[in-house]
Amino acid sequence: MAHHVSQANMNRQRIKTVSLWSLQKTANAILFAFKNVADPVSVHLKDIYFSRQQGMALGLYDTLSIPFGVDV
């Protein structure tokens, strides 16, 4: 009998934990969607920023040379 009680308590705790995790993930997705709807330009600029950061980390921009005084 004690085994069944402890098993039921563990299952209850597991359900609470999974429910909280699911609620957090859902809330995060909703907030992300609202942010993208409210300010789509910031998402575009963030993508550009991260792609440049990745390019710099890979050394892709080290090979580019832009002469001084030349408008690009």
PDB file of N, CA and C in Angstrom:
ATOM      1  N   MET A   1       0.817  -1.194   0.000  1.00  0.00           N
ATOM      2  CA  MET A   1       0.000   0.000   0.000  1.00  0.00           C
ATOM      3  C   MET A   1       0.867   1.267   0.000  1.00  0.00           C
ATOM      4  N   ALA A   2       1.938   1.256   0.795  1.00  0.00           N
ATOM      5  CA  ALA A   2       2.813   2.433   0.863  1.00  0.00           C
ATOM      6  C   ALA A   2       3.467   2.695  -0.483  1.00  0.00           C
ATOM      7  N   HIS A   3       3.792   1.633  -1.213  1.00  0.00           N
ATOM      8  CA  HIS A   3       4.407   1.792  -2.533  1.00  0.00           C
ATOM      9  C   HIS A   3       3.454   2.523  -3.482  1.00  0.00           C
ATOM     10  N   HIS A   4       2.179   2.154  -3.447  1.00  0.00           N
ATOM     11  CA  HIS A   4       1.199   2.793  -4.329  1.00  0.00           C
ATOM     12  C   HIS A   4       1.006   4.267  -3.972  1.00  0.00           C
ATOM     13  N   VAL A   5       1.032   4.575  -2.689  1.00  0.00           N
ATOM     14  CA  VAL A   5       0.872   5.966  -2.253  1.00  0.00           C
ATOM     15  C   VAL A   5       2.054   6.803  -2.705  1.00  0.00           C
ATOM     16  N   SER A   6       3.274   6.279  -2.499  1.00  0.00           N
ATOM     17  CA  SER A   6       4.459   7.034  -2.920  1.00  0.00           C
ATOM     18  C   SER A   6       4.529   7.148  -4.442  1.00  0.00           C
ATOM     19  N   GLN A   7       4.097   6.107  -5.142  1.00  0.00           N
ATOM     20  CA  GLN A   7       4.074   6.149  -6.607  1.00  0.00           C
ATOM     21  C   GLN A   7       3.072   7.201  -7.090  1.00  0.00           C
ATOM     22  N   ALA A   8       1.932   7.272  -6.447  1.00  0.00           N
ATOM     23  CA  ALA A   8       0.916   8.265  -6.812  1.00  0.00           C
ATOM     24  C   ALA A   8       1.425   9.677  -6.535  1.00  0.00           C
ATOM     25  N   ASN A   9       2.129   9.862  -5.432  1.00  0.00           N
ATOM     26  CA  ASN A   9       2.690  11.179  -5.117  1.00  0.00           C
ATOM     27  C   ASN A   9       3.751  11.585  -6.137  1.00  0.00           C
ATOM     28  N   MET A  10       4.594  10.636  -6.537  1.00  0.00           N
ATOM     29  CA  MET A  10       5.620  10.948  -7.551  1.00  0.00           C
ATOM     30  C   MET A  10       4.965  11.289  -8.883  1.00  0.00           C
ATOM     31  N   ASN A  11       3.932  10.556  -9.259  1.00  0.00           N
ATOM     32  CA  ASN A  11       3.234  10.850 -10.514  1.00  0.00           C
ATOM     33  C   ASN A  11       2.584  12.225 -10.468  1.00  0.00           C
ATOM     34  N   ARG A  12       2.009  12.585  -9.327  1.00  0.00           N
ATOM     35  CA  ARG A  12       1.390  13.898  -9.171  1.00  0.00           C
ATOM     36  C   ARG A  12       2.441  14.999  -9.323  1.00  0.00           C
ATOM     37  N   GLN A  13       3.594  14.794  -8.698  1.00  0.00           N
ATOM     38  CA  GLN A  13       4.678  15.783  -8.805  1.00  0.00           C
ATOM     39  C   GLN A  13       5.189  15.877 -10.248  1.00  0.00           C
ATOM     40  N   ARG A  14       5.297  14.747 -10.913  1.00  0.00           N
ATOM     41  CA  ARG A  14       5.752  14.727 -12.304  1.00  0.00           C
ATOM     42  C   ARG A  14       4.781  15.488 -13.200  1.00  0.00           C
ATOM     43  N   ILE A  15       3.478  15.305 -12.980  1.00  0.00           N
ATOM     44  CA  ILE A  15       2.470  16.009 -13.772  1.00  0.00           C
ATOM     45  C   ILE A  15       2.562  17.512 -13.526  1.00  0.00           C
ATOM     46  N   LYS A  16       2.763  17.912 -12.266  1.00  0.00           N
ATOM     47  CA  LYS A  16       2.910  19.341 -11.962  1.00  0.00           C
ATOM     48  C   LYS A  16       4.124  19.923 -12.665  1.00  0.00           C
ATOM     49  N   THR A  17       5.235  19.199 -12.637  1.00  0.00           N
ATOM     50  CA  THR A  17       6.465  19.684 -13.262  1.00  0.00           C
ATOM     51  C   THR A  17       6.306  19.822 -14.771  1.00  0.00           C
ATOM     52  N   VAL A  18       5.745  18.812 -15.404  1.00  0.00           N
ATOM     53  CA  VAL A  18       5.550  18.851 -16.859  1.00  0.00           C
ATOM     54  C   VAL A  18       4.549  19.939 -17.232  1.00  0.00           C
ATOM     55  N   SER A  19       3.513  20.102 -16.426  1.00  0.00           N
ATOM     56  CA  SER A  19       2.521  21.143 -16.709  1.00  0.00           C
ATOM     57  C   SER A  19       3.141  22.529 -16.620  1.00  0.00           C
ATOM     58  N   LEU A  20       3.968  22.754 -15.608  1.00  0.00           N
ATOM     59  CA  LEU A  20       4.629  24.049 -15.468  1.00  0.00           C
ATOM     60  C   LEU A  20       5.578  24.297 -16.628  1.00  0.00           C
ATOM     61  N   TRP A  21       6.332  23.276 -17.028  1.00  0.00           N
ATOM     62  CA  TRP A  21       7.257  23.416 -18.161  1.00  0.00           C
ATOM     63  C   TRP A  21       6.483  23.748 -19.435  1.00  0.00           C
ATOM     64  N   SER A  22       5.376  23.045 -19.646  1.00  0.00           N
ATOM     65  CA  SER A  22       4.556  23.283 -20.831  1.00  0.00           C
ATOM     66  C   SER A  22       3.968  24.693 -20.828  1.00  0.00           C
ATOM     67  N   LEU A  23       3.530  25.150 -19.673  1.00  0.00           N
ATOM     68  CA  LEU A  23       2.991  26.499 -19.554  1.00  0.00           C
ATOM     69  C   LEU A  23       4.059  27.551 -19.847  1.00  0.00           C
ATOM     70  N   GLN A  24       5.273  27.330 -19.350  1.00  0.00           N
ATOM     71  CA  GLN A  24       6.365  28.266 -19.616  1.00  0.00           C
ATOM     72  C   GLN A  24       6.711  28.307 -21.098  1.00  0.00           C
ATOM     73  N   LYS A  25       6.773  27.142 -21.740  1.00  0.00           N
ATOM     74  CA  LYS A  25       7.089  27.095 -23.164  1.00  0.00           C
ATOM     75  C   LYS A  25       5.997  27.793 -23.991  1.00  0.00           C
ATOM     76  N   THR A  26       4.743  27.567 -23.633  1.00  0.00           N
ATOM     77  CA  THR A  26       3.631  28.191 -24.354  1.00  0.00           C
ATOM     78  C   THR A  26       3.657  29.705 -24.178  1.00  0.00           C
ATOM     79  N   ALA A  27       3.870  30.159 -22.944  1.00  0.00           N
ATOM     80  CA  ALA A  27       3.932  31.594 -22.688  1.00  0.00           C
ATOM     81  C   ALA A  27       5.088  32.233 -23.446  1.00  0.00           C
ATOM     82  N   ASN A  28       6.234  31.557 -23.487  1.00  0.00           N
ATOM     83  CA  ASN A  28       7.386  32.078 -24.217  1.00  0.00           C
ATOM     84  C   ASN A  28       7.080  32.197 -25.715  1.00  0.00           C
ATOM     85  N   ALA A  29       6.416  31.192 -26.270  1.00  0.00           N
ATOM     86  CA  ALA A  29       6.065  31.228 -27.693  1.00  0.00           C
ATOM     87  C   ALA A  29       5.072  32.344 -27.995  1.00  0.00           C
ATOM     88  N   ILE A  30       4.107  32.544 -27.108  1.00  0.00           N
ATOM     89  CA  ILE A  30       3.117  33.612 -27.312  1.00  0.00           C
ATOM     90  C   ILE A  30       3.786  34.981 -27.242  1.00  0.00           C
ATOM     91  N   LEU A  31       4.644  35.178 -26.252  1.00  0.00           N
ATOM     92  CA  LEU A  31       5.344  36.458 -26.135  1.00  0.00           C
ATOM     93  C   LEU A  31       6.242  36.712 -27.337  1.00  0.00           C
ATOM     94  N   PHE A  32       6.916  35.672 -27.810  1.00  0.00           N
ATOM     95  CA  PHE A  32       7.768  35.803 -28.987  1.00  0.00           C
ATOM     96  C   PHE A  32       6.934  36.204 -30.209  1.00  0.00           C
ATOM     97  N   ALA A  33       5.762  35.581 -30.361  1.00  0.00           N
ATOM     98  CA  ALA A  33       4.887  35.912 -31.492  1.00  0.00           C
ATOM     99  C   ALA A  33       4.386  37.351 -31.395  1.00  0.00           C
ATOM    100  N   PHE A  34       3.982  37.780 -30.205  1.00  0.00           N
ATOM    101  CA  PHE A  34       3.535  39.168 -30.034  1.00  0.00           C
ATOM    102  C   PHE A  34       4.656  40.153 -30.329  1.00  0.00           C
ATOM    103  N   LYS A  35       5.865  39.829 -29.887  1.00  0.00           N
ATOM    104  CA  LYS A  35       6.994  40.719 -30.138  1.00  0.00           C
ATOM    105  C   LYS A  35       7.270  40.831 -31.633  1.00  0.00           C
ATOM    106  N   ASN A  36       7.179  39.719 -32.344  1.00  0.00           N
ATOM    107  CA  ASN A  36       7.420  39.747 -33.789  1.00  0.00           C
ATOM    108  C   ASN A  36       6.337  40.523 -34.532  1.00  0.00           C
ATOM    109  N   VAL A  37       5.112  40.440 -34.059  1.00  0.00           N
ATOM    110  CA  VAL A  37       4.027  41.181 -34.690  1.00  0.00           C
ATOM    111  C   VAL A  37       4.186  42.670 -34.398  1.00  0.00           C
ATOM    112  N   ALA A  38       4.558  42.997 -33.176  1.00  0.00           N
ATOM    113  CA  ALA A  38       4.665  44.395 -32.772  1.00  0.00           C
ATOM    114  C   ALA A  38       5.865  45.087 -33.412  1.00  0.00           C
ATOM    115  N   ASP A  39       6.961  44.381 -33.570  1.00  0.00           N
ATOM    116  CA  ASP A  39       8.179  45.018 -34.074  1.00  0.00           C
ATOM    117  C   ASP A  39       8.935  44.068 -35.009  1.00  0.00           C
ATOM    118  N   PRO A  40       8.438  43.865 -36.240  1.00  0.00           N
ATOM    119  CA  PRO A  40       9.095  42.937 -37.161  1.00  0.00           C
ATOM    120  C   PRO A  40      10.473  43.424 -37.626  1.00  0.00           C
ATOM    121  N   VAL A  41      10.719  44.727 -37.570  1.00  0.00           N
ATOM    122  CA  VAL A  41      12.013  45.254 -38.007  1.00  0.00           C
ATOM    123  C   VAL A  41      13.122  44.789 -37.067  1.00  0.00           C
ATOM    124  N   SER A  42      12.825  44.754 -35.776  1.00  0.00           N
ATOM    125  CA  SER A  42      13.860  44.341 -34.823  1.00  0.00           C
ATOM    126  C   SER A  42      14.275  42.894 -35.050  1.00  0.00           C
ATOM    127  N   VAL A  43      13.332  42.046 -35.456  1.00  0.00           N
ATOM    128  CA  VAL A  43      13.668  40.648 -35.737  1.00  0.00           C
ATOM    129  C   VAL A  43      14.604  40.578 -36.936  1.00  0.00           C
ATOM    130  N   HIS A  44      14.304  41.371 -37.967  1.00  0.00           N
ATOM    131  CA  HIS A  44      15.154  41.395 -39.156  1.00  0.00           C
ATOM    132  C   HIS A  44      16.562  41.885 -38.812  1.00  0.00           C
ATOM    133  N   LEU A  45      16.646  42.946 -38.020  1.00  0.00           N
ATOM    134  CA  LEU A  45      17.953  43.476 -37.642  1.00  0.00           C
ATOM    135  C   LEU A  45      18.717  42.496 -36.752  1.00  0.00           C
ATOM    136  N   LYS A  46      17.991  41.789 -35.889  1.00  0.00           N
ATOM    137  CA  LYS A  46      18.641  40.793 -35.031  1.00  0.00           C
ATOM    138  C   LYS A  46      19.225  39.659 -35.885  1.00  0.00           C
ATOM    139  N   ASP A  47      18.478  39.236 -36.911  1.00  0.00           N
ATOM    140  CA  ASP A  47      18.988  38.195 -37.814  1.00  0.00           C
ATOM    141  C   ASP A  47      20.252  38.661 -38.523  1.00  0.00           C
ATOM    142  N   ILE A  48      20.270  39.905 -38.976  1.00  0.00           N
ATOM    143  CA  ILE A  48      21.453  40.441 -39.639  1.00  0.00           C
ATOM    144  C   ILE A  48      22.625  40.487 -38.671  1.00  0.00           C
ATOM    145  N   TYR A  49      22.362  40.945 -37.455  1.00  0.00           N
ATOM    146  CA  TYR A  49      23.415  41.054 -36.435  1.00  0.00           C
ATOM    147  C   TYR A  49      24.019  39.684 -36.143  1.00  0.00           C
ATOM    148  N   PHE A  50      23.160  38.677 -35.916  1.00  0.00           N
ATOM    149  CA  PHE A  50      23.678  37.353 -35.581  1.00  0.00           C
ATOM    150  C   PHE A  50      24.396  36.712 -36.763  1.00  0.00           C
ATOM    151  N   SER A  51      23.937  36.957 -37.980  1.00  0.00           N
ATOM    152  CA  SER A  51      24.633  36.376 -39.131  1.00  0.00           C
ATOM    153  C   SER A  51      26.021  37.003 -39.285  1.00  0.00           C
ATOM    154  N   ARG A  52      26.135  38.295 -38.986  1.00  0.00           N
ATOM    155  CA  ARG A  52      27.462  38.935 -39.044  1.00  0.00           C
ATOM    156  C   ARG A  52      28.360  38.437 -37.927  1.00  0.00           C
ATOM    157  N   GLN A  53      27.778  38.216 -36.737  1.00  0.00           N
ATOM    158  CA  GLN A  53      28.569  37.704 -35.620  1.00  0.00           C
ATOM    159  C   GLN A  53      29.100  36.315 -35.942  1.00  0.00           C
ATOM    160  N   GLN A  54      28.280  35.488 -36.555  1.00  0.00           N
ATOM    161  CA  GLN A  54      28.717  34.150 -36.933  1.00  0.00           C
ATOM    162  C   GLN A  54      29.788  34.229 -38.012  1.00  0.00           C
ATOM    163  N   GLY A  55      29.617  35.141 -38.950  1.00  0.00           N
ATOM    164  CA  GLY A  55      30.615  35.300 -40.002  1.00  0.00           C
ATOM    165  C   GLY A  55      31.952  35.745 -39.444  1.00  0.00           C
ATOM    166  N   MET A  56      31.911  36.644 -38.456  1.00  0.00           N
ATOM    167  CA  MET A  56      33.156  37.102 -37.833  1.00  0.00           C
ATOM    168  C   MET A  56      33.807  35.987 -37.034  1.00  0.00           C
ATOM    169  N   ALA A  57      32.991  35.167 -36.390  1.00  0.00           N
ATOM    170  CA  ALA A  57      33.526  34.059 -35.611  1.00  0.00           C
ATOM    171  C   ALA A  57      34.206  33.045 -36.529  1.00  0.00           C
ATOM    172  N   LEU A  58      33.692  32.905 -37.743  1.00  0.00           N
ATOM    173  CA  LEU A  58      34.289  31.969 -38.698  1.00  0.00           C
ATOM    174  C   LEU A  58      35.461  32.579 -39.450  1.00  0.00           C
ATOM    175  N   GLY A  59      35.672  33.861 -39.295  1.00  0.00           N
ATOM    176  CA  GLY A  59      36.770  34.534 -39.973  1.00  0.00           C
ATOM    177  C   GLY A  59      36.456  34.926 -41.397  1.00  0.00           C
ATOM    178  N   LEU A  60      35.185  34.966 -41.751  1.00  0.00           N
ATOM    179  CA  LEU A  60      34.817  35.290 -43.130  1.00  0.00           C
ATOM    180  C   LEU A  60      35.078  36.751 -43.465  1.00  0.00           C
ATOM    181  N   TYR A  61      34.982  37.634 -42.473  1.00  0.00           N
ATOM    182  CA  TYR A  61      35.164  39.049 -42.745  1.00  0.00           C
ATOM    183  C   TYR A  61      36.635  39.456 -42.692  1.00  0.00           C
ATOM    184  N   ASP A  62      37.505  38.570 -42.263  1.00  0.00           N
ATOM    185  CA  ASP A  62      38.925  38.892 -42.238  1.00  0.00           C
ATOM    186  C   ASP A  62      39.502  38.967 -43.650  1.00  0.00           C
ATOM    187  N   THR A  63      38.891  38.259 -44.579  1.00  0.00           N
ATOM    188  CA  THR A  63      39.417  38.221 -45.940  1.00  0.00           C
ATOM    189  C   THR A  63      38.904  39.383 -46.781  1.00  0.00           C
ATOM    190  N   LEU A  64      37.886  40.092 -46.311  1.00  0.00           N
ATOM    191  CA  LEU A  64      37.343  41.220 -47.049  1.00  0.00           C
ATOM    192  C   LEU A  64      38.174  42.460 -46.771  1.00  0.00           C
ATOM    193  N   SER A  65      38.606  43.118 -47.824  1.00  0.00           N
ATOM    194  CA  SER A  65      39.332  44.352 -47.630  1.00  0.00           C
ATOM    195  C   SER A  65      38.633  45.459 -48.391  1.00  0.00           C
ATOM    196  N   ILE A  66      38.283  46.498 -47.681  1.00  0.00           N
ATOM    197  CA  ILE A  66      37.637  47.659 -48.293  1.00  0.00           C
ATOM    198  C   ILE A  66      38.610  48.816 -48.192  1.00  0.00           C
ATOM    199  N   PRO A  67      39.051  49.325 -49.316  1.00  0.00           N
ATOM    200  CA  PRO A  67      40.011  50.425 -49.282  1.00  0.00           C
ATOM    201  C   PRO A  67      39.439  51.635 -48.574  1.00  0.00           C
ATOM    202  N   PHE A  68      40.307  52.366 -47.924  1.00  0.00           N
ATOM    203  CA  PHE A  68      39.906  53.565 -47.190  1.00  0.00           C
ATOM    204  C   PHE A  68      39.431  54.622 -48.163  1.00  0.00           C
ATOM    205  N   GLY A  69      38.295  55.249 -47.833  1.00  0.00           N
ATOM    206  CA  GLY A  69      37.761  56.324 -48.674  1.00  0.00           C
ATOM    207  C   GLY A  69      36.858  55.856 -49.783  1.00  0.00           C
ATOM    208  N   VAL A  70      36.572  54.566 -49.870  1.00  0.00           N
ATOM    209  CA  VAL A  70      35.693  54.056 -50.913  1.00  0.00           C
ATOM    210  C   VAL A  70      34.313  53.851 -50.315  1.00  0.00           C
ATOM    211  N   ASP A  71      33.317  54.431 -50.953  1.00  0.00           N
ATOM    212  CA  ASP A  71      31.935  54.253 -50.480  1.00  0.00           C
ATOM    213  C   ASP A  71      31.418  52.918 -50.957  1.00  0.00           C
ATOM    214  N   VAL A  72      30.830  52.200 -50.003  1.00  0.00           N
ATOM    215  CA  VAL A  72      30.288  50.881 -50.341  1.00  0.00           C
ATOM    216  C   VAL A  72      28.795  50.949 -50.380  1.00  0.00           C
TER     217      VAL A  72
END
